[in-house]
Amino acid sequence: MKKLFSGLVIASTIFLFSCENEELNPKYPFTIIVKTQSDSLRVQNVLVEVAAPVPGNQVWLKGATNTEGEIDFEYQQAATLGVRASRGERPDYTWIGCTEIRLIPNEHVTKTVYIQPYDSLLVGCSFD
């Protein structure tokens, strides 16, 4: 009985220390999908900017959607981030759309942002 108990203790100790604890180094991968507001078609080559929606933000991820209308990012900590998708760069937008995304540890989050023709007379989404 002692040998069985000793074996179980040793095996459980090895198991606990041999596995990498994902909670100590979580990853925050996420995908942004860009679609048009009017017909929900995916749009390629759209500029996607991700930032913390606070003054003096430090988070700033940027890239363009691929042929599937998607772009992947990864961040290093839990956060709720603002996402802006646009055709053209500030202030020369032709299409624009915004949303927010909440990052969850070790879970791949996917969020869709819908873009529509930019109207300079309407209050748009901006975190500049």
N, C-alpha and C. Protein backbone atom coordinates (compact mmCIF):
# COMPACT_ATOMS: atom_id res chain seq x y z
N MET A 1 0.82 -1.19 0.00
CA MET A 1 0.00 0.00 0.00
C MET A 1 0.87 1.26 0.00
N LYS A 2 1.97 1.19 0.77
CA LYS A 2 2.88 2.34 0.81
C LYS A 2 3.48 2.61 -0.56
N LYS A 3 3.83 1.54 -1.29
CA LYS A 3 4.43 1.72 -2.61
C LYS A 3 3.43 2.35 -3.57
N LEU A 4 2.17 1.92 -3.51
CA LEU A 4 1.14 2.49 -4.37
C LEU A 4 0.93 3.97 -4.06
N PHE A 5 0.85 4.30 -2.80
CA PHE A 5 0.68 5.70 -2.39
C PHE A 5 1.88 6.54 -2.81
N SER A 6 3.08 6.04 -2.61
CA SER A 6 4.30 6.76 -2.99
C SER A 6 4.34 6.97 -4.50
N GLY A 7 3.96 5.94 -5.24
CA GLY A 7 3.93 6.05 -6.70
C GLY A 7 2.94 7.10 -7.17
N LEU A 8 1.77 7.14 -6.56
CA LEU A 8 0.77 8.15 -6.93
C LEU A 8 1.25 9.56 -6.61
N VAL A 9 1.89 9.74 -5.49
CA VAL A 9 2.41 11.06 -5.11
C VAL A 9 3.48 11.51 -6.10
N ILE A 10 4.38 10.62 -6.44
CA ILE A 10 5.46 10.97 -7.38
C ILE A 10 4.89 11.27 -8.76
N ALA A 11 3.96 10.44 -9.22
CA ALA A 11 3.36 10.65 -10.54
C ALA A 11 2.59 11.97 -10.61
N SER A 12 1.83 12.28 -9.56
CA SER A 12 1.07 13.53 -9.57
C SER A 12 1.99 14.74 -9.49
N THR A 13 3.08 14.63 -8.76
CA THR A 13 4.04 15.73 -8.68
C THR A 13 4.69 15.97 -10.03
N ILE A 14 5.09 14.92 -10.71
CA ILE A 14 5.68 15.06 -12.04
C ILE A 14 4.68 15.67 -13.00
N PHE A 15 3.44 15.22 -12.95
CA PHE A 15 2.40 15.74 -13.83
C PHE A 15 2.17 17.23 -13.60
N LEU A 16 2.11 17.65 -12.34
CA LEU A 16 1.86 19.07 -12.03
C LEU A 16 2.99 19.97 -12.52
N PHE A 17 4.22 19.52 -12.38
CA PHE A 17 5.35 20.38 -12.74
C PHE A 17 5.78 20.24 -14.20
N SER A 18 5.31 19.22 -14.90
CA SER A 18 5.71 19.05 -16.29
C SER A 18 4.82 19.84 -17.25
N CYS A 19 3.64 20.21 -16.83
CA CYS A 19 2.73 20.96 -17.69
C CYS A 19 2.99 22.45 -17.56
N GLU A 20 2.98 23.14 -18.70
CA GLU A 20 3.14 24.59 -18.66
C GLU A 20 1.81 25.20 -18.23
N ASN A 21 1.85 26.05 -17.26
CA ASN A 21 0.64 26.67 -16.75
C ASN A 21 0.26 27.85 -17.63
N GLU A 22 -0.81 27.68 -18.41
CA GLU A 22 -1.23 28.73 -19.33
C GLU A 22 -1.74 29.96 -18.60
N GLU A 23 -2.14 29.79 -17.35
CA GLU A 23 -2.66 30.94 -16.60
C GLU A 23 -1.55 31.92 -16.25
N LEU A 24 -0.30 31.47 -16.23
CA LEU A 24 0.81 32.36 -15.92
C LEU A 24 1.23 33.20 -17.12
N ASN A 25 1.05 32.67 -18.32
CA ASN A 25 1.42 33.37 -19.55
C ASN A 25 0.27 33.30 -20.54
N PRO A 26 -0.86 33.93 -20.22
CA PRO A 26 -1.99 33.82 -21.15
C PRO A 26 -1.74 34.57 -22.45
N LYS A 27 -2.40 34.11 -23.49
CA LYS A 27 -2.34 34.78 -24.78
C LYS A 27 -3.72 35.35 -25.07
N TYR A 28 -3.76 36.39 -25.87
CA TYR A 28 -5.01 37.07 -26.18
C TYR A 28 -5.12 37.26 -27.69
N PRO A 29 -5.31 36.16 -28.45
CA PRO A 29 -5.45 36.29 -29.90
C PRO A 29 -6.86 36.73 -30.27
N PHE A 30 -6.95 37.51 -31.34
CA PHE A 30 -8.27 37.91 -31.81
C PHE A 30 -8.25 38.18 -33.30
N THR A 31 -9.42 38.03 -33.91
CA THR A 31 -9.59 38.25 -35.34
C THR A 31 -10.68 39.28 -35.55
N ILE A 32 -10.42 40.21 -36.46
CA ILE A 32 -11.41 41.21 -36.85
C ILE A 32 -11.86 40.86 -38.27
N ILE A 33 -13.17 40.78 -38.46
CA ILE A 33 -13.76 40.56 -39.79
C ILE A 33 -14.46 41.85 -40.19
N VAL A 34 -14.22 42.32 -41.40
CA VAL A 34 -14.82 43.57 -41.88
C VAL A 34 -15.85 43.24 -42.96
N LYS A 35 -17.06 43.75 -42.76
CA LYS A 35 -18.15 43.56 -43.72
C LYS A 35 -18.81 44.91 -44.00
N THR A 36 -19.50 44.98 -45.14
CA THR A 36 -20.25 46.19 -45.46
C THR A 36 -21.57 46.17 -44.71
N GLN A 37 -22.01 47.33 -44.28
CA GLN A 37 -23.25 47.46 -43.52
C GLN A 37 -24.46 47.07 -44.37
N SER A 38 -24.48 47.48 -45.61
CA SER A 38 -25.67 47.31 -46.45
C SER A 38 -25.94 45.86 -46.88
N ASP A 39 -24.88 45.11 -47.23
CA ASP A 39 -25.13 43.78 -47.75
C ASP A 39 -24.30 42.68 -47.09
N SER A 40 -23.57 43.01 -46.03
CA SER A 40 -22.80 42.04 -45.26
C SER A 40 -21.75 41.28 -46.05
N LEU A 41 -21.20 41.90 -47.09
CA LEU A 41 -20.11 41.28 -47.84
C LEU A 41 -18.79 41.56 -47.14
N ARG A 42 -17.91 40.58 -47.12
CA ARG A 42 -16.58 40.78 -46.54
C ARG A 42 -15.76 41.68 -47.47
N VAL A 43 -14.92 42.54 -46.86
CA VAL A 43 -14.18 43.53 -47.63
C VAL A 43 -12.68 43.36 -47.38
N GLN A 44 -11.92 43.29 -48.47
CA GLN A 44 -10.47 43.16 -48.36
C GLN A 44 -9.79 44.53 -48.42
N ASN A 45 -8.54 44.58 -48.00
CA ASN A 45 -7.71 45.80 -48.03
C ASN A 45 -8.34 46.96 -47.27
N VAL A 46 -8.93 46.68 -46.14
CA VAL A 46 -9.48 47.72 -45.27
C VAL A 46 -8.50 47.93 -44.13
N LEU A 47 -8.20 49.17 -43.82
CA LEU A 47 -7.31 49.50 -42.72
C LEU A 47 -8.04 49.25 -41.40
N VAL A 48 -7.44 48.44 -40.53
CA VAL A 48 -8.02 48.14 -39.22
C VAL A 48 -7.05 48.66 -38.16
N GLU A 49 -7.57 49.49 -37.25
CA GLU A 49 -6.77 50.05 -36.17
C GLU A 49 -7.42 49.65 -34.85
N VAL A 50 -6.59 49.23 -33.90
CA VAL A 50 -7.08 48.78 -32.60
C VAL A 50 -6.36 49.60 -31.54
N ALA A 51 -7.14 50.18 -30.62
CA ALA A 51 -6.54 51.03 -29.58
C ALA A 51 -7.36 50.96 -28.31
N ALA A 52 -6.72 51.28 -27.20
CA ALA A 52 -7.45 51.40 -25.94
C ALA A 52 -8.26 52.68 -26.00
N PRO A 53 -9.56 52.62 -25.69
CA PRO A 53 -10.41 53.80 -25.83
C PRO A 53 -10.30 54.76 -24.64
N VAL A 54 -9.08 55.19 -24.37
CA VAL A 54 -8.83 56.13 -23.29
C VAL A 54 -7.85 57.20 -23.78
N PRO A 55 -7.93 58.41 -23.22
CA PRO A 55 -6.97 59.45 -23.62
C PRO A 55 -5.53 59.01 -23.35
N GLY A 56 -4.65 59.29 -24.27
CA GLY A 56 -3.24 58.93 -24.12
C GLY A 56 -3.01 57.43 -24.21
N ASN A 57 -3.81 56.75 -25.02
CA ASN A 57 -3.74 55.29 -25.08
C ASN A 57 -2.36 54.81 -25.52
N GLN A 58 -2.01 53.63 -25.05
CA GLN A 58 -0.72 53.03 -25.39
C GLN A 58 -0.86 51.89 -26.38
N VAL A 59 -2.03 51.27 -26.44
CA VAL A 59 -2.23 50.15 -27.35
C VAL A 59 -2.51 50.69 -28.74
N TRP A 60 -1.80 50.21 -29.73
CA TRP A 60 -2.07 50.64 -31.10
C TRP A 60 -1.61 49.54 -32.04
N LEU A 61 -2.56 48.78 -32.51
CA LEU A 61 -2.29 47.73 -33.48
C LEU A 61 -2.92 48.16 -34.80
N LYS A 62 -2.25 47.86 -35.90
CA LYS A 62 -2.71 48.36 -37.19
C LYS A 62 -2.37 47.36 -38.28
N GLY A 63 -3.27 47.22 -39.26
CA GLY A 63 -3.02 46.33 -40.39
C GLY A 63 -4.17 46.38 -41.37
N ALA A 64 -4.06 45.62 -42.45
CA ALA A 64 -5.09 45.60 -43.48
C ALA A 64 -5.69 44.21 -43.58
N THR A 65 -6.98 44.15 -43.91
CA THR A 65 -7.65 42.86 -44.04
C THR A 65 -7.11 42.10 -45.26
N ASN A 66 -7.17 40.79 -45.17
CA ASN A 66 -6.71 39.93 -46.26
C ASN A 66 -7.84 39.73 -47.28
N THR A 67 -7.66 38.81 -48.21
CA THR A 67 -8.67 38.58 -49.24
C THR A 67 -9.97 38.02 -48.68
N GLU A 68 -9.93 37.50 -47.47
CA GLU A 68 -11.14 36.97 -46.81
C GLU A 68 -11.84 38.06 -45.99
N GLY A 69 -11.27 39.27 -45.96
CA GLY A 69 -11.85 40.35 -45.16
C GLY A 69 -11.54 40.21 -43.68
N GLU A 70 -10.44 39.54 -43.34
CA GLU A 70 -10.07 39.29 -41.95
C GLU A 70 -8.65 39.77 -41.66
N ILE A 71 -8.40 40.04 -40.39
CA ILE A 71 -7.05 40.32 -39.93
C ILE A 71 -6.91 39.76 -38.52
N ASP A 72 -5.76 39.15 -38.24
CA ASP A 72 -5.49 38.56 -36.92
C ASP A 72 -4.51 39.43 -36.16
N PHE A 73 -4.76 39.54 -34.85
CA PHE A 73 -3.87 40.25 -33.94
C PHE A 73 -3.67 39.40 -32.70
N GLU A 74 -2.67 39.76 -31.90
CA GLU A 74 -2.51 39.15 -30.58
C GLU A 74 -2.04 40.24 -29.62
N TYR A 75 -2.59 40.21 -28.42
CA TYR A 75 -2.22 41.18 -27.40
C TYR A 75 -1.72 40.42 -26.18
N GLN A 76 -1.08 41.11 -25.24
CA GLN A 76 -0.45 40.43 -24.12
C GLN A 76 -1.21 40.52 -22.80
N GLN A 77 -2.37 41.18 -22.78
CA GLN A 77 -3.11 41.27 -21.52
C GLN A 77 -4.60 41.46 -21.77
N ALA A 78 -5.37 41.20 -20.74
CA ALA A 78 -6.82 41.37 -20.85
C ALA A 78 -7.14 42.83 -21.08
N ALA A 79 -8.09 43.09 -21.96
CA ALA A 79 -8.44 44.48 -22.26
C ALA A 79 -9.74 44.52 -23.04
N THR A 80 -10.37 45.67 -23.01
CA THR A 80 -11.46 45.98 -23.92
C THR A 80 -10.92 47.07 -24.83
N LEU A 81 -10.89 46.79 -26.12
CA LEU A 81 -10.24 47.69 -27.07
C LEU A 81 -11.23 48.21 -28.09
N GLY A 82 -10.98 49.42 -28.57
CA GLY A 82 -11.77 50.00 -29.64
C GLY A 82 -11.18 49.59 -30.98
N VAL A 83 -12.07 49.30 -31.93
CA VAL A 83 -11.65 48.87 -33.27
C VAL A 83 -12.26 49.81 -34.29
N ARG A 84 -11.42 50.33 -35.19
CA ARG A 84 -11.90 51.17 -36.29
C ARG A 84 -11.44 50.55 -37.59
N ALA A 85 -12.38 50.36 -38.51
CA ALA A 85 -12.06 49.86 -39.85
C ALA A 85 -12.41 50.97 -40.83
N SER A 86 -11.51 51.23 -41.78
CA SER A 86 -11.77 52.35 -42.70
C SER A 86 -11.11 52.12 -44.05
N ARG A 87 -11.71 52.73 -45.03
CA ARG A 87 -11.10 52.86 -46.35
C ARG A 87 -10.57 54.27 -46.36
N GLY A 88 -9.31 54.43 -46.58
CA GLY A 88 -8.68 55.74 -46.49
C GLY A 88 -8.24 55.99 -45.06
N GLU A 89 -7.27 56.90 -44.90
CA GLU A 89 -6.79 57.24 -43.56
C GLU A 89 -7.29 58.60 -43.16
N ARG A 90 -7.30 58.84 -41.88
CA ARG A 90 -7.78 60.09 -41.32
C ARG A 90 -7.11 61.26 -42.00
N PRO A 91 -7.74 62.29 -42.42
CA PRO A 91 -9.18 62.57 -42.37
C PRO A 91 -9.90 62.22 -43.68
N ASP A 92 -9.25 61.47 -44.55
CA ASP A 92 -9.80 61.20 -45.88
C ASP A 92 -10.52 59.85 -45.96
N TYR A 93 -11.37 59.56 -45.00
CA TYR A 93 -12.11 58.31 -45.02
C TYR A 93 -13.13 58.31 -46.16
N THR A 94 -13.33 57.16 -46.77
CA THR A 94 -14.43 57.00 -47.72
C THR A 94 -15.47 56.04 -47.13
N TRP A 95 -15.01 55.06 -46.36
CA TRP A 95 -15.87 54.13 -45.63
C TRP A 95 -15.33 54.03 -44.21
N ILE A 96 -16.20 53.81 -43.21
CA ILE A 96 -15.73 53.70 -41.83
C ILE A 96 -16.72 52.90 -40.99
N GLY A 97 -16.20 52.25 -39.98
CA GLY A 97 -17.02 51.53 -39.02
C GLY A 97 -16.22 51.26 -37.76
N CYS A 98 -16.92 51.17 -36.63
CA CYS A 98 -16.23 50.95 -35.36
C CYS A 98 -16.98 49.94 -34.50
N THR A 99 -16.24 49.34 -33.60
CA THR A 99 -16.81 48.43 -32.61
C THR A 99 -15.82 48.33 -31.45
N GLU A 100 -16.16 47.53 -30.47
CA GLU A 100 -15.25 47.23 -29.37
C GLU A 100 -15.10 45.73 -29.26
N ILE A 101 -13.96 45.31 -28.72
CA ILE A 101 -13.71 43.89 -28.53
C ILE A 101 -13.14 43.66 -27.14
N ARG A 102 -13.65 42.64 -26.47
CA ARG A 102 -13.16 42.28 -25.13
C ARG A 102 -12.31 41.04 -25.27
N LEU A 103 -11.05 41.13 -24.84
CA LEU A 103 -10.11 40.02 -24.95
C LEU A 103 -10.21 39.12 -23.72
N ILE A 104 -10.19 37.82 -23.96
CA ILE A 104 -10.32 36.83 -22.90
C ILE A 104 -9.08 35.95 -22.93
N PRO A 105 -8.49 35.65 -21.75
CA PRO A 105 -7.26 34.87 -21.72
C PRO A 105 -7.40 33.51 -22.40
N ASN A 106 -6.41 33.20 -23.26
CA ASN A 106 -6.30 31.91 -23.94
C ASN A 106 -7.55 31.53 -24.74
N GLU A 107 -8.27 32.51 -25.20
CA GLU A 107 -9.45 32.26 -26.04
C GLU A 107 -9.35 33.14 -27.28
N HIS A 108 -9.52 32.54 -28.44
CA HIS A 108 -9.46 33.30 -29.69
C HIS A 108 -10.81 33.98 -29.89
N VAL A 109 -10.82 35.30 -29.81
CA VAL A 109 -12.06 36.08 -29.93
C VAL A 109 -12.17 36.59 -31.37
N THR A 110 -13.37 36.50 -31.93
CA THR A 110 -13.62 37.01 -33.28
C THR A 110 -14.71 38.07 -33.19
N LYS A 111 -14.48 39.20 -33.85
CA LYS A 111 -15.44 40.30 -33.83
C LYS A 111 -15.62 40.82 -35.25
N THR A 112 -16.85 41.14 -35.61
CA THR A 112 -17.15 41.70 -36.92
C THR A 112 -17.42 43.19 -36.78
N VAL A 113 -16.82 43.97 -37.67
CA VAL A 113 -17.09 45.41 -37.72
C VAL A 113 -17.70 45.69 -39.09
N TYR A 114 -18.77 46.47 -39.07
CA TYR A 114 -19.49 46.80 -40.30
C TYR A 114 -19.12 48.22 -40.72
N ILE A 115 -18.73 48.37 -41.99
CA ILE A 115 -18.38 49.70 -42.50
C ILE A 115 -19.49 50.21 -43.41
N GLN A 116 -19.59 51.53 -43.46
CA GLN A 116 -20.56 52.19 -44.32
C GLN A 116 -19.93 53.45 -44.89
N PRO A 117 -20.51 54.03 -45.94
CA PRO A 117 -19.92 55.25 -46.51
C PRO A 117 -19.77 56.33 -45.44
N TYR A 118 -18.62 56.98 -45.48
CA TYR A 118 -18.31 58.01 -44.49
C TYR A 118 -19.05 59.31 -44.81
N ASP A 119 -19.67 59.87 -43.78
CA ASP A 119 -20.36 61.15 -43.90
C ASP A 119 -19.71 62.11 -42.91
N SER A 120 -19.02 63.12 -43.40
CA SER A 120 -18.29 64.05 -42.53
C SER A 120 -19.22 64.88 -41.64
N LEU A 121 -20.50 64.94 -41.98
CA LEU A 121 -21.45 65.71 -41.17
C LEU A 121 -21.94 64.93 -39.95
N LEU A 122 -21.76 63.62 -39.95
CA LEU A 122 -22.18 62.80 -38.81
C LEU A 122 -21.00 62.61 -37.86
N VAL A 123 -21.32 62.50 -36.59
CA VAL A 123 -20.27 62.21 -35.62
C VAL A 123 -19.84 60.77 -35.84
N GLY A 124 -18.59 60.58 -36.19
CA GLY A 124 -18.10 59.24 -36.48
C GLY A 124 -17.46 58.60 -35.28
N CYS A 125 -16.87 57.50 -35.52
CA CYS A 125 -16.15 56.81 -34.44
C CYS A 125 -14.68 57.17 -34.56
N SER A 126 -14.12 57.63 -33.49
CA SER A 126 -12.73 58.02 -33.54
C SER A 126 -12.11 57.87 -32.16
N PHE A 127 -10.88 57.45 -32.12
CA PHE A 127 -10.14 57.41 -30.86
C PHE A 127 -8.76 58.02 -31.03
N ASP A 128 -8.68 59.01 -31.92
CA ASP A 128 -7.41 59.72 -32.15
C ASP A 128 -7.14 60.72 -31.06
